[in-house]
Amino acid sequence: MRHAIRAMLVAFALALAVPAATYFIASAQAQAKVLDINSATQAELEALPGIGPVYAAAIIKGRPYKAKDELHEKKIITKALYDKIKDMIIAKQK
């Protein structure tokens, strides 16, 4: 009986640990996928939702950016589009 209870407790602990580990891996992957608008290629920019060849070319032409919100402030992209991608981009300083 003890072994059965112990086995159930171990199984329960493992069941709780797997979703937590999955969350941390997903969080790390999300952070790794943030795109630097100062160094991204045309193709990388076009992979962002709502960014096509014209917007990507305009972003590249407007470099360098001190902050990511300059995309909207400089009227390179619309506010709605900026709001859609703002969590996916950064503007690193060299």
PDB file of N, CA and C in Angstrom:
ATOM      1  N   MET A   1       0.820  -1.191   0.000  1.00  0.00           N
ATOM      2  CA  MET A   1       0.000   0.000   0.000  1.00  0.00           C
ATOM      3  C   MET A   1       0.869   1.262   0.000  1.00  0.00           C
ATOM      4  N   ARG A   2       1.950   1.255   0.795  1.00  0.00           N
ATOM      5  CA  ARG A   2       2.845   2.402   0.840  1.00  0.00           C
ATOM      6  C   ARG A   2       3.462   2.681  -0.523  1.00  0.00           C
ATOM      7  N   HIS A   3       3.853   1.608  -1.194  1.00  0.00           N
ATOM      8  CA  HIS A   3       4.487   1.764  -2.498  1.00  0.00           C
ATOM      9  C   HIS A   3       3.506   2.358  -3.514  1.00  0.00           C
ATOM     10  N   ALA A   4       2.256   1.957  -3.426  1.00  0.00           N
ATOM     11  CA  ALA A   4       1.252   2.474  -4.340  1.00  0.00           C
ATOM     12  C   ALA A   4       1.026   3.970  -4.093  1.00  0.00           C
ATOM     13  N   ILE A   5       0.966   4.366  -2.851  1.00  0.00           N
ATOM     14  CA  ILE A   5       0.775   5.782  -2.505  1.00  0.00           C
ATOM     15  C   ILE A   5       1.993   6.588  -2.941  1.00  0.00           C
ATOM     16  N   ARG A   6       3.170   6.056  -2.674  1.00  0.00           N
ATOM     17  CA  ARG A   6       4.410   6.728  -3.061  1.00  0.00           C
ATOM     18  C   ARG A   6       4.464   6.887  -4.591  1.00  0.00           C
ATOM     19  N   ALA A   7       4.100   5.855  -5.305  1.00  0.00           N
ATOM     20  CA  ALA A   7       4.105   5.908  -6.769  1.00  0.00           C
ATOM     21  C   ALA A   7       3.116   6.953  -7.277  1.00  0.00           C
ATOM     22  N   MET A   8       1.950   7.027  -6.644  1.00  0.00           N
ATOM     23  CA  MET A   8       0.968   8.027  -7.046  1.00  0.00           C
ATOM     24  C   MET A   8       1.473   9.438  -6.763  1.00  0.00           C
ATOM     25  N   LEU A   9       2.133   9.626  -5.624  1.00  0.00           N
ATOM     26  CA  LEU A   9       2.675  10.948  -5.295  1.00  0.00           C
ATOM     27  C   LEU A   9       3.771  11.362  -6.273  1.00  0.00           C
ATOM     28  N   VAL A  10       4.629  10.426  -6.641  1.00  0.00           N
ATOM     29  CA  VAL A  10       5.689  10.711  -7.613  1.00  0.00           C
ATOM     30  C   VAL A  10       5.074  11.059  -8.967  1.00  0.00           C
ATOM     31  N   ALA A  11       4.080  10.295  -9.393  1.00  0.00           N
ATOM     32  CA  ALA A  11       3.420  10.559 -10.663  1.00  0.00           C
ATOM     33  C   ALA A  11       2.742  11.933 -10.644  1.00  0.00           C
ATOM     34  N   PHE A  12       2.127  12.270  -9.530  1.00  0.00           N
ATOM     35  CA  PHE A  12       1.466  13.567  -9.395  1.00  0.00           C
ATOM     36  C   PHE A  12       2.486  14.704  -9.456  1.00  0.00           C
ATOM     37  N   ALA A  13       3.599  14.544  -8.761  1.00  0.00           N
ATOM     38  CA  ALA A  13       4.648  15.566  -8.773  1.00  0.00           C
ATOM     39  C   ALA A  13       5.208  15.758 -10.176  1.00  0.00           C
ATOM     40  N   LEU A  14       5.407  14.672 -10.900  1.00  0.00           N
ATOM     41  CA  LEU A  14       5.900  14.772 -12.274  1.00  0.00           C
ATOM     42  C   LEU A  14       4.885  15.446 -13.187  1.00  0.00           C
ATOM     43  N   ALA A  15       3.630  15.146 -12.964  1.00  0.00           N
ATOM     44  CA  ALA A  15       2.578  15.755 -13.777  1.00  0.00           C
ATOM     45  C   ALA A  15       2.536  17.266 -13.576  1.00  0.00           C
ATOM     46  N   LEU A  16       2.824  17.724 -12.368  1.00  0.00           N
ATOM     47  CA  LEU A  16       2.854  19.157 -12.101  1.00  0.00           C
ATOM     48  C   LEU A  16       4.121  19.799 -12.647  1.00  0.00           C
ATOM     49  N   ALA A  17       5.217  19.091 -12.648  1.00  0.00           N
ATOM     50  CA  ALA A  17       6.504  19.639 -13.076  1.00  0.00           C
ATOM     51  C   ALA A  17       6.570  19.843 -14.586  1.00  0.00           C
ATOM     52  N   VAL A  18       5.971  18.990 -15.364  1.00  0.00           N
ATOM     53  CA  VAL A  18       6.062  19.084 -16.824  1.00  0.00           C
ATOM     54  C   VAL A  18       5.429  20.371 -17.348  1.00  0.00           C
ATOM     55  N   PRO A  19       4.210  20.745 -16.948  1.00  0.00           N
ATOM     56  CA  PRO A  19       3.662  22.014 -17.448  1.00  0.00           C
ATOM     57  C   PRO A  19       4.492  23.227 -17.031  1.00  0.00           C
ATOM     58  N   ALA A  20       5.055  23.206 -15.833  1.00  0.00           N
ATOM     59  CA  ALA A  20       5.879  24.321 -15.388  1.00  0.00           C
ATOM     60  C   ALA A  20       7.127  24.430 -16.253  1.00  0.00           C
ATOM     61  N   ALA A  21       7.761  23.316 -16.553  1.00  0.00           N
ATOM     62  CA  ALA A  21       8.941  23.318 -17.404  1.00  0.00           C
ATOM     63  C   ALA A  21       8.581  23.785 -18.806  1.00  0.00           C
ATOM     64  N   THR A  22       7.446  23.367 -19.304  1.00  0.00           N
ATOM     65  CA  THR A  22       6.994  23.782 -20.628  1.00  0.00           C
ATOM     66  C   THR A  22       6.786  25.288 -20.664  1.00  0.00           C
ATOM     67  N   TYR A  23       6.240  25.852 -19.598  1.00  0.00           N
ATOM     68  CA  TYR A  23       6.017  27.302 -19.524  1.00  0.00           C
ATOM     69  C   TYR A  23       7.339  28.049 -19.598  1.00  0.00           C
ATOM     70  N   PHE A  24       8.333  27.612 -18.844  1.00  0.00           N
ATOM     71  CA  PHE A  24       9.618  28.310 -18.844  1.00  0.00           C
ATOM     72  C   PHE A  24      10.329  28.182 -20.186  1.00  0.00           C
ATOM     73  N   ILE A  25      10.215  27.055 -20.833  1.00  0.00           N
ATOM     74  CA  ILE A  25      10.818  26.881 -22.161  1.00  0.00           C
ATOM     75  C   ILE A  25      10.119  27.787 -23.169  1.00  0.00           C
ATOM     76  N   ALA A  26       8.804  27.842 -23.128  1.00  0.00           N
ATOM     77  CA  ALA A  26       8.052  28.689 -24.054  1.00  0.00           C
ATOM     78  C   ALA A  26       8.384  30.166 -23.826  1.00  0.00           C
ATOM     79  N   SER A  27       8.540  30.549 -22.575  1.00  0.00           N
ATOM     80  CA  SER A  27       8.886  31.927 -22.248  1.00  0.00           C
ATOM     81  C   SER A  27      10.266  32.282 -22.780  1.00  0.00           C
ATOM     82  N   ALA A  28      11.219  31.396 -22.636  1.00  0.00           N
ATOM     83  CA  ALA A  28      12.572  31.628 -23.140  1.00  0.00           C
ATOM     84  C   ALA A  28      12.571  31.699 -24.664  1.00  0.00           C
ATOM     85  N   GLN A  29      11.784  30.863 -25.311  1.00  0.00           N
ATOM     86  CA  GLN A  29      11.701  30.893 -26.767  1.00  0.00           C
ATOM     87  C   GLN A  29      11.066  32.195 -27.242  1.00  0.00           C
ATOM     88  N   ALA A  30      10.073  32.670 -26.532  1.00  0.00           N
ATOM     89  CA  ALA A  30       9.420  33.914 -26.918  1.00  0.00           C
ATOM     90  C   ALA A  30      10.396  35.077 -26.817  1.00  0.00           C
ATOM     91  N   GLN A  31      11.218  35.098 -25.775  1.00  0.00           N
ATOM     92  CA  GLN A  31      12.201  36.155 -25.627  1.00  0.00           C
ATOM     93  C   GLN A  31      13.266  36.065 -26.705  1.00  0.00           C
ATOM     94  N   ALA A  32      13.622  34.866 -27.103  1.00  0.00           N
ATOM     95  CA  ALA A  32      14.643  34.677 -28.118  1.00  0.00           C
ATOM     96  C   ALA A  32      14.146  35.111 -29.493  1.00  0.00           C
ATOM     97  N   LYS A  33      12.860  35.164 -29.706  1.00  0.00           N
ATOM     98  CA  LYS A  33      12.302  35.502 -31.005  1.00  0.00           C
ATOM     99  C   LYS A  33      12.038  36.997 -31.174  1.00  0.00           C
ATOM    100  N   VAL A  34      12.478  37.812 -30.242  1.00  0.00           N
ATOM    101  CA  VAL A  34      12.317  39.252 -30.374  1.00  0.00           C
ATOM    102  C   VAL A  34      13.289  39.732 -31.444  1.00  0.00           C
ATOM    103  N   LEU A  35      12.798  40.538 -32.362  1.00  0.00           N
ATOM    104  CA  LEU A  35      13.566  40.954 -33.530  1.00  0.00           C
ATOM    105  C   LEU A  35      14.094  42.371 -33.355  1.00  0.00           C
ATOM    106  N   ASP A  36      15.385  42.554 -33.594  1.00  0.00           N
ATOM    107  CA  ASP A  36      16.015  43.869 -33.516  1.00  0.00           C
ATOM    108  C   ASP A  36      15.781  44.603 -34.831  1.00  0.00           C
ATOM    109  N   ILE A  37      15.032  45.686 -34.784  1.00  0.00           N
ATOM    110  CA  ILE A  37      14.710  46.417 -36.015  1.00  0.00           C
ATOM    111  C   ILE A  37      15.915  47.148 -36.589  1.00  0.00           C
ATOM    112  N   ASN A  38      16.974  47.303 -35.829  1.00  0.00           N
ATOM    113  CA  ASN A  38      18.176  47.963 -36.332  1.00  0.00           C
ATOM    114  C   ASN A  38      19.101  47.025 -37.103  1.00  0.00           C
ATOM    115  N   SER A  39      18.899  45.728 -36.965  1.00  0.00           N
ATOM    116  CA  SER A  39      19.798  44.797 -37.657  1.00  0.00           C
ATOM    117  C   SER A  39      19.069  43.693 -38.431  1.00  0.00           C
ATOM    118  N   ALA A  40      17.767  43.646 -38.349  1.00  0.00           N
ATOM    119  CA  ALA A  40      17.000  42.586 -39.020  1.00  0.00           C
ATOM    120  C   ALA A  40      17.094  42.723 -40.543  1.00  0.00           C
ATOM    121  N   THR A  41      17.078  41.575 -41.195  1.00  0.00           N
ATOM    122  CA  THR A  41      17.086  41.565 -42.655  1.00  0.00           C
ATOM    123  C   THR A  41      15.683  41.858 -43.186  1.00  0.00           C
ATOM    124  N   GLN A  42      15.607  42.109 -44.465  1.00  0.00           N
ATOM    125  CA  GLN A  42      14.316  42.343 -45.123  1.00  0.00           C
ATOM    126  C   GLN A  42      13.390  41.151 -44.872  1.00  0.00           C
ATOM    127  N   ALA A  43      13.911  39.936 -45.056  1.00  0.00           N
ATOM    128  CA  ALA A  43      13.093  38.726 -44.887  1.00  0.00           C
ATOM    129  C   ALA A  43      12.630  38.572 -43.441  1.00  0.00           C
ATOM    130  N   GLU A  44      13.499  38.871 -42.474  1.00  0.00           N
ATOM    131  CA  GLU A  44      13.110  38.763 -41.061  1.00  0.00           C
ATOM    132  C   GLU A  44      12.001  39.754 -40.732  1.00  0.00           C
ATOM    133  N   LEU A  45      12.106  40.964 -41.246  1.00  0.00           N
ATOM    134  CA  LEU A  45      11.060  41.965 -41.006  1.00  0.00           C
ATOM    135  C   LEU A  45       9.745  41.546 -41.648  1.00  0.00           C
ATOM    136  N   GLU A  46       9.820  41.001 -42.857  1.00  0.00           N
ATOM    137  CA  GLU A  46       8.606  40.565 -43.551  1.00  0.00           C
ATOM    138  C   GLU A  46       7.918  39.400 -42.839  1.00  0.00           C
ATOM    139  N   ALA A  47       8.637  38.694 -41.986  1.00  0.00           N
ATOM    140  CA  ALA A  47       8.043  37.590 -41.231  1.00  0.00           C
ATOM    141  C   ALA A  47       7.136  38.095 -40.107  1.00  0.00           C
ATOM    142  N   LEU A  48       7.255  39.368 -39.756  1.00  0.00           N
ATOM    143  CA  LEU A  48       6.376  39.939 -38.734  1.00  0.00           C
ATOM    144  C   LEU A  48       4.972  40.097 -39.308  1.00  0.00           C
ATOM    145  N   PRO A  49       3.942  39.900 -38.484  1.00  0.00           N
ATOM    146  CA  PRO A  49       2.570  40.030 -38.989  1.00  0.00           C
ATOM    147  C   PRO A  49       2.274  41.460 -39.458  1.00  0.00           C
ATOM    148  N   GLY A  50       1.771  41.573 -40.680  1.00  0.00           N
ATOM    149  CA  GLY A  50       1.398  42.875 -41.220  1.00  0.00           C
ATOM    150  C   GLY A  50       2.528  43.622 -41.904  1.00  0.00           C
ATOM    151  N   ILE A  51       3.736  43.101 -41.846  1.00  0.00           N
ATOM    152  CA  ILE A  51       4.885  43.750 -42.483  1.00  0.00           C
ATOM    153  C   ILE A  51       5.176  43.046 -43.802  1.00  0.00           C
ATOM    154  N   GLY A  52       5.000  43.766 -44.876  1.00  0.00           N
ATOM    155  CA  GLY A  52       5.303  43.236 -46.202  1.00  0.00           C
ATOM    156  C   GLY A  52       6.580  43.871 -46.728  1.00  0.00           C
ATOM    157  N   PRO A  53       6.862  43.677 -48.002  1.00  0.00           N
ATOM    158  CA  PRO A  53       8.099  44.209 -48.587  1.00  0.00           C
ATOM    159  C   PRO A  53       8.225  45.735 -48.490  1.00  0.00           C
ATOM    160  N   VAL A  54       7.124  46.459 -48.657  1.00  0.00           N
ATOM    161  CA  VAL A  54       7.171  47.926 -48.631  1.00  0.00           C
ATOM    162  C   VAL A  54       7.484  48.425 -47.215  1.00  0.00           C
ATOM    163  N   TYR A  55       6.770  47.906 -46.217  1.00  0.00           N
ATOM    164  CA  TYR A  55       7.044  48.303 -44.834  1.00  0.00           C
ATOM    165  C   TYR A  55       8.457  47.888 -44.411  1.00  0.00           C
ATOM    166  N   ALA A  56       8.869  46.693 -44.774  1.00  0.00           N
ATOM    167  CA  ALA A  56      10.208  46.222 -44.409  1.00  0.00           C
ATOM    168  C   ALA A  56      11.276  47.139 -44.995  1.00  0.00           C
ATOM    169  N   ALA A  57      11.120  47.530 -46.259  1.00  0.00           N
ATOM    170  CA  ALA A  57      12.079  48.433 -46.892  1.00  0.00           C
ATOM    171  C   ALA A  57      12.091  49.798 -46.205  1.00  0.00           C
ATOM    172  N   ALA A  58      10.914  50.283 -45.812  1.00  0.00           N
ATOM    173  CA  ALA A  58      10.829  51.571 -45.117  1.00  0.00           C
ATOM    174  C   ALA A  58      11.492  51.505 -43.747  1.00  0.00           C
ATOM    175  N   ILE A  59      11.321  50.394 -43.051  1.00  0.00           N
ATOM    176  CA  ILE A  59      11.960  50.219 -41.739  1.00  0.00           C
ATOM    177  C   ILE A  59      13.476  50.240 -41.900  1.00  0.00           C
ATOM    178  N   ILE A  60      13.979  49.529 -42.888  1.00  0.00           N
ATOM    179  CA  ILE A  60      15.419  49.482 -43.120  1.00  0.00           C
ATOM    180  C   ILE A  60      15.940  50.867 -43.500  1.00  0.00           C
ATOM    181  N   LYS A  61      15.213  51.586 -44.345  1.00  0.00           N
ATOM    182  CA  LYS A  61      15.629  52.921 -44.789  1.00  0.00           C
ATOM    183  C   LYS A  61      15.680  53.912 -43.625  1.00  0.00           C
ATOM    184  N   GLY A  62      14.800  53.759 -42.634  1.00  0.00           N
ATOM    185  CA  GLY A  62      14.722  54.684 -41.506  1.00  0.00           C
ATOM    186  C   GLY A  62      15.721  54.445 -40.383  1.00  0.00           C
ATOM    187  N   ARG A  63      16.567  53.456 -40.525  1.00  0.00           N
ATOM    188  CA  ARG A  63      17.541  53.136 -39.473  1.00  0.00           C
ATOM    189  C   ARG A  63      18.569  54.237 -39.316  1.00  0.00           C
ATOM    190  N   PRO A  64      19.162  54.347 -38.138  1.00  0.00           N
ATOM    191  CA  PRO A  64      18.967  53.576 -36.914  1.00  0.00           C
ATOM    192  C   PRO A  64      17.838  54.164 -36.055  1.00  0.00           C
ATOM    193  N   TYR A  65      17.312  53.329 -35.206  1.00  0.00           N
ATOM    194  CA  TYR A  65      16.250  53.716 -34.283  1.00  0.00           C
ATOM    195  C   TYR A  65      16.798  53.700 -32.857  1.00  0.00           C
ATOM    196  N   LYS A  66      16.465  54.731 -32.082  1.00  0.00           N
ATOM    197  CA  LYS A  66      16.857  54.771 -30.669  1.00  0.00           C
ATOM    198  C   LYS A  66      15.887  53.952 -29.825  1.00  0.00           C
ATOM    199  N   ALA A  67      14.641  53.906 -30.266  1.00  0.00           N
ATOM    200  CA  ALA A  67      13.597  53.156 -29.557  1.00  0.00           C
ATOM    201  C   ALA A  67      12.634  52.590 -30.594  1.00  0.00           C
ATOM    202  N   LYS A  68      12.023  51.494 -30.245  1.00  0.00           N
ATOM    203  CA  LYS A  68      11.132  50.832 -31.202  1.00  0.00           C
ATOM    204  C   LYS A  68       9.906  51.665 -31.548  1.00  0.00           C
ATOM    205  N   ASP A  69       9.460  52.518 -30.633  1.00  0.00           N
ATOM    206  CA  ASP A  69       8.266  53.310 -30.909  1.00  0.00           C
ATOM    207  C   ASP A  69       8.510  54.389 -31.973  1.00  0.00           C
ATOM    208  N   GLU A  70       9.770  54.579 -32.364  1.00  0.00           N
ATOM    209  CA  GLU A  70      10.066  55.510 -33.454  1.00  0.00           C
ATOM    210  C   GLU A  70       9.460  55.036 -34.775  1.00  0.00           C
ATOM    211  N   LEU A  71       9.177  53.747 -34.889  1.00  0.00           N
ATOM    212  CA  LEU A  71       8.525  53.255 -36.104  1.00  0.00           C
ATOM    213  C   LEU A  71       7.211  53.983 -36.329  1.00  0.00           C
ATOM    214  N   HIS A  72       6.472  54.201 -35.265  1.00  0.00           N
ATOM    215  CA  HIS A  72       5.200  54.922 -35.384  1.00  0.00           C
ATOM    216  C   HIS A  72       5.433  56.435 -35.352  1.00  0.00           C
ATOM    217  N   GLU A  73       6.314  56.904 -34.476  1.00  0.00           N
ATOM    218  CA  GLU A  73       6.554  58.340 -34.353  1.00  0.00           C
ATOM    219  C   GLU A  73       7.063  58.950 -35.655  1.00  0.00           C
ATOM    220  N   LYS A  74       7.887  58.219 -36.390  1.00  0.00           N
ATOM    221  CA  LYS A  74       8.411  58.695 -37.671  1.00  0.00           C
ATOM    222  C   LYS A  74       7.461  58.395 -38.832  1.00  0.00           C
ATOM    223  N   LYS A  75       6.279  57.861 -38.502  1.00  0.00           N
ATOM    224  CA  LYS A  75       5.229  57.534 -39.472  1.00  0.00           C
ATOM    225  C   LYS A  75       5.689  56.514 -40.522  1.00  0.00           C
ATOM    226  N   ILE A  76       6.520  55.571 -40.079  1.00  0.00           N
ATOM    227  CA  ILE A  76       6.958  54.492 -40.954  1.00  0.00           C
ATOM    228  C   ILE A  76       5.888  53.410 -41.020  1.00  0.00           C
ATOM    229  N   ILE A  77       5.246  53.149 -39.872  1.00  0.00           N
ATOM    230  CA  ILE A  77       4.117  52.221 -39.823  1.00  0.00           C
ATOM    231  C   ILE A  77       2.979  52.871 -39.041  1.00  0.00           C
ATOM    232  N   THR A  78       1.792  52.341 -39.196  1.00  0.00           N
ATOM    233  CA  THR A  78       0.629  52.890 -38.495  1.00  0.00           C
ATOM    234  C   THR A  78       0.663  52.507 -37.015  1.00  0.00           C
ATOM    235  N   LYS A  79      -0.104  53.238 -36.234  1.00  0.00           N
ATOM    236  CA  LYS A  79      -0.213  52.942 -34.794  1.00  0.00           C
ATOM    237  C   LYS A  79      -0.788  51.546 -34.577  1.00  0.00           C
ATOM    238  N   ALA A  80      -1.794  51.183 -35.361  1.00  0.00           N
ATOM    239  CA  ALA A  80      -2.421  49.858 -35.221  1.00  0.00           C
ATOM    240  C   ALA A  80      -1.412  48.754 -35.514  1.00  0.00           C
ATOM    241  N   LEU A  81      -0.606  48.929 -36.541  1.00  0.00           N
ATOM    242  CA  LEU A  81       0.400  47.928 -36.874  1.00  0.00           C
ATOM    243  C   LEU A  81       1.486  47.884 -35.812  1.00  0.00           C
ATOM    244  N   TYR A  82       1.894  49.051 -35.319  1.00  0.00           N
ATOM    245  CA  TYR A  82       2.884  49.088 -34.241  1.00  0.00           C
ATOM    246  C   TYR A  82       2.367  48.334 -33.017  1.00  0.00           C
ATOM    247  N   ASP A  83       1.125  48.586 -32.647  1.00  0.00           N
ATOM    248  CA  ASP A  83       0.540  47.896 -31.489  1.00  0.00           C
ATOM    249  C   ASP A  83       0.527  46.382 -31.689  1.00  0.00           C
ATOM    250  N   LYS A  84       0.392  45.951 -32.925  1.00  0.00           N
ATOM    251  CA  LYS A  84       0.346  44.520 -33.242  1.00  0.00           C
ATOM    252  C   LYS A  84       1.719  43.847 -33.085  1.00  0.00           C
ATOM    253  N   ILE A  85       2.802  44.577 -33.381  1.00  0.00           N
ATOM    254  CA  ILE A  85       4.139  43.960 -33.383  1.00  0.00           C
ATOM    255  C   ILE A  85       5.059  44.435 -32.264  1.00  0.00           C
ATOM    256  N   LYS A  86       4.626  45.385 -31.455  1.00  0.00           N
ATOM    257  CA  LYS A  86       5.529  45.999 -30.468  1.00  0.00           C
ATOM    258  C   LYS A  86       6.152  45.010 -29.489  1.00  0.00           C
ATOM    259  N   ASP A  87       5.476  43.922 -29.186  1.00  0.00           N
ATOM    260  CA  ASP A  87       6.033  42.931 -28.260  1.00  0.00           C
ATOM    261  C   ASP A  87       6.984  41.962 -28.957  1.00  0.00           C
ATOM    262  N   MET A  88       7.096  42.072 -30.265  1.00  0.00           N
ATOM    263  CA  MET A  88       7.938  41.173 -31.038  1.00  0.00           C
ATOM    264  C   MET A  88       9.242  41.840 -31.491  1.00  0.00           C
ATOM    265  N   ILE A  89       9.401  43.134 -31.197  1.00  0.00           N
ATOM    266  CA  ILE A  89      10.556  43.869 -31.690  1.00  0.00           C
ATOM    267  C   ILE A  89      11.283  44.612 -30.576  1.00  0.00           C
ATOM    268  N   ILE A  90      12.538  44.944 -30.847  1.00  0.00           N
ATOM    269  CA  ILE A  90      13.339  45.801 -29.990  1.00  0.00           C
ATOM    270  C   ILE A  90      14.201  46.682 -30.899  1.00  0.00           C
ATOM    271  N   ALA A  91      14.816  47.692 -30.317  1.00  0.00           N
ATOM    272  CA  ALA A  91      15.748  48.545 -31.060  1.00  0.00           C
ATOM    273  C   ALA A  91      17.037  48.612 -30.250  1.00  0.00           C
ATOM    274  N   LYS A  92      17.940  47.704 -30.513  1.00  0.00           N
ATOM    275  CA  LYS A  92      19.221  47.682 -29.790  1.00  0.00           C
ATOM    276  C   LYS A  92      20.111  48.817 -30.245  1.00  0.00           C
ATOM    277  N   GLN A  93      20.862  49.335 -29.306  1.00  0.00           N
ATOM    278  CA  GLN A  93      21.827  50.388 -29.606  1.00  0.00           C
ATOM    279  C   GLN A  93      23.208  49.770 -29.754  1.00  0.00           C
ATOM    280  N   LYS A  94      23.969  50.233 -30.697  1.00  0.00           N
ATOM    281  CA  LYS A  94      25.312  49.684 -30.918  1.00  0.00           C
ATOM    282  C   LYS A  94      26.337  50.421 -30.127  1.00  0.00           C
TER     283      LYS A  94
END
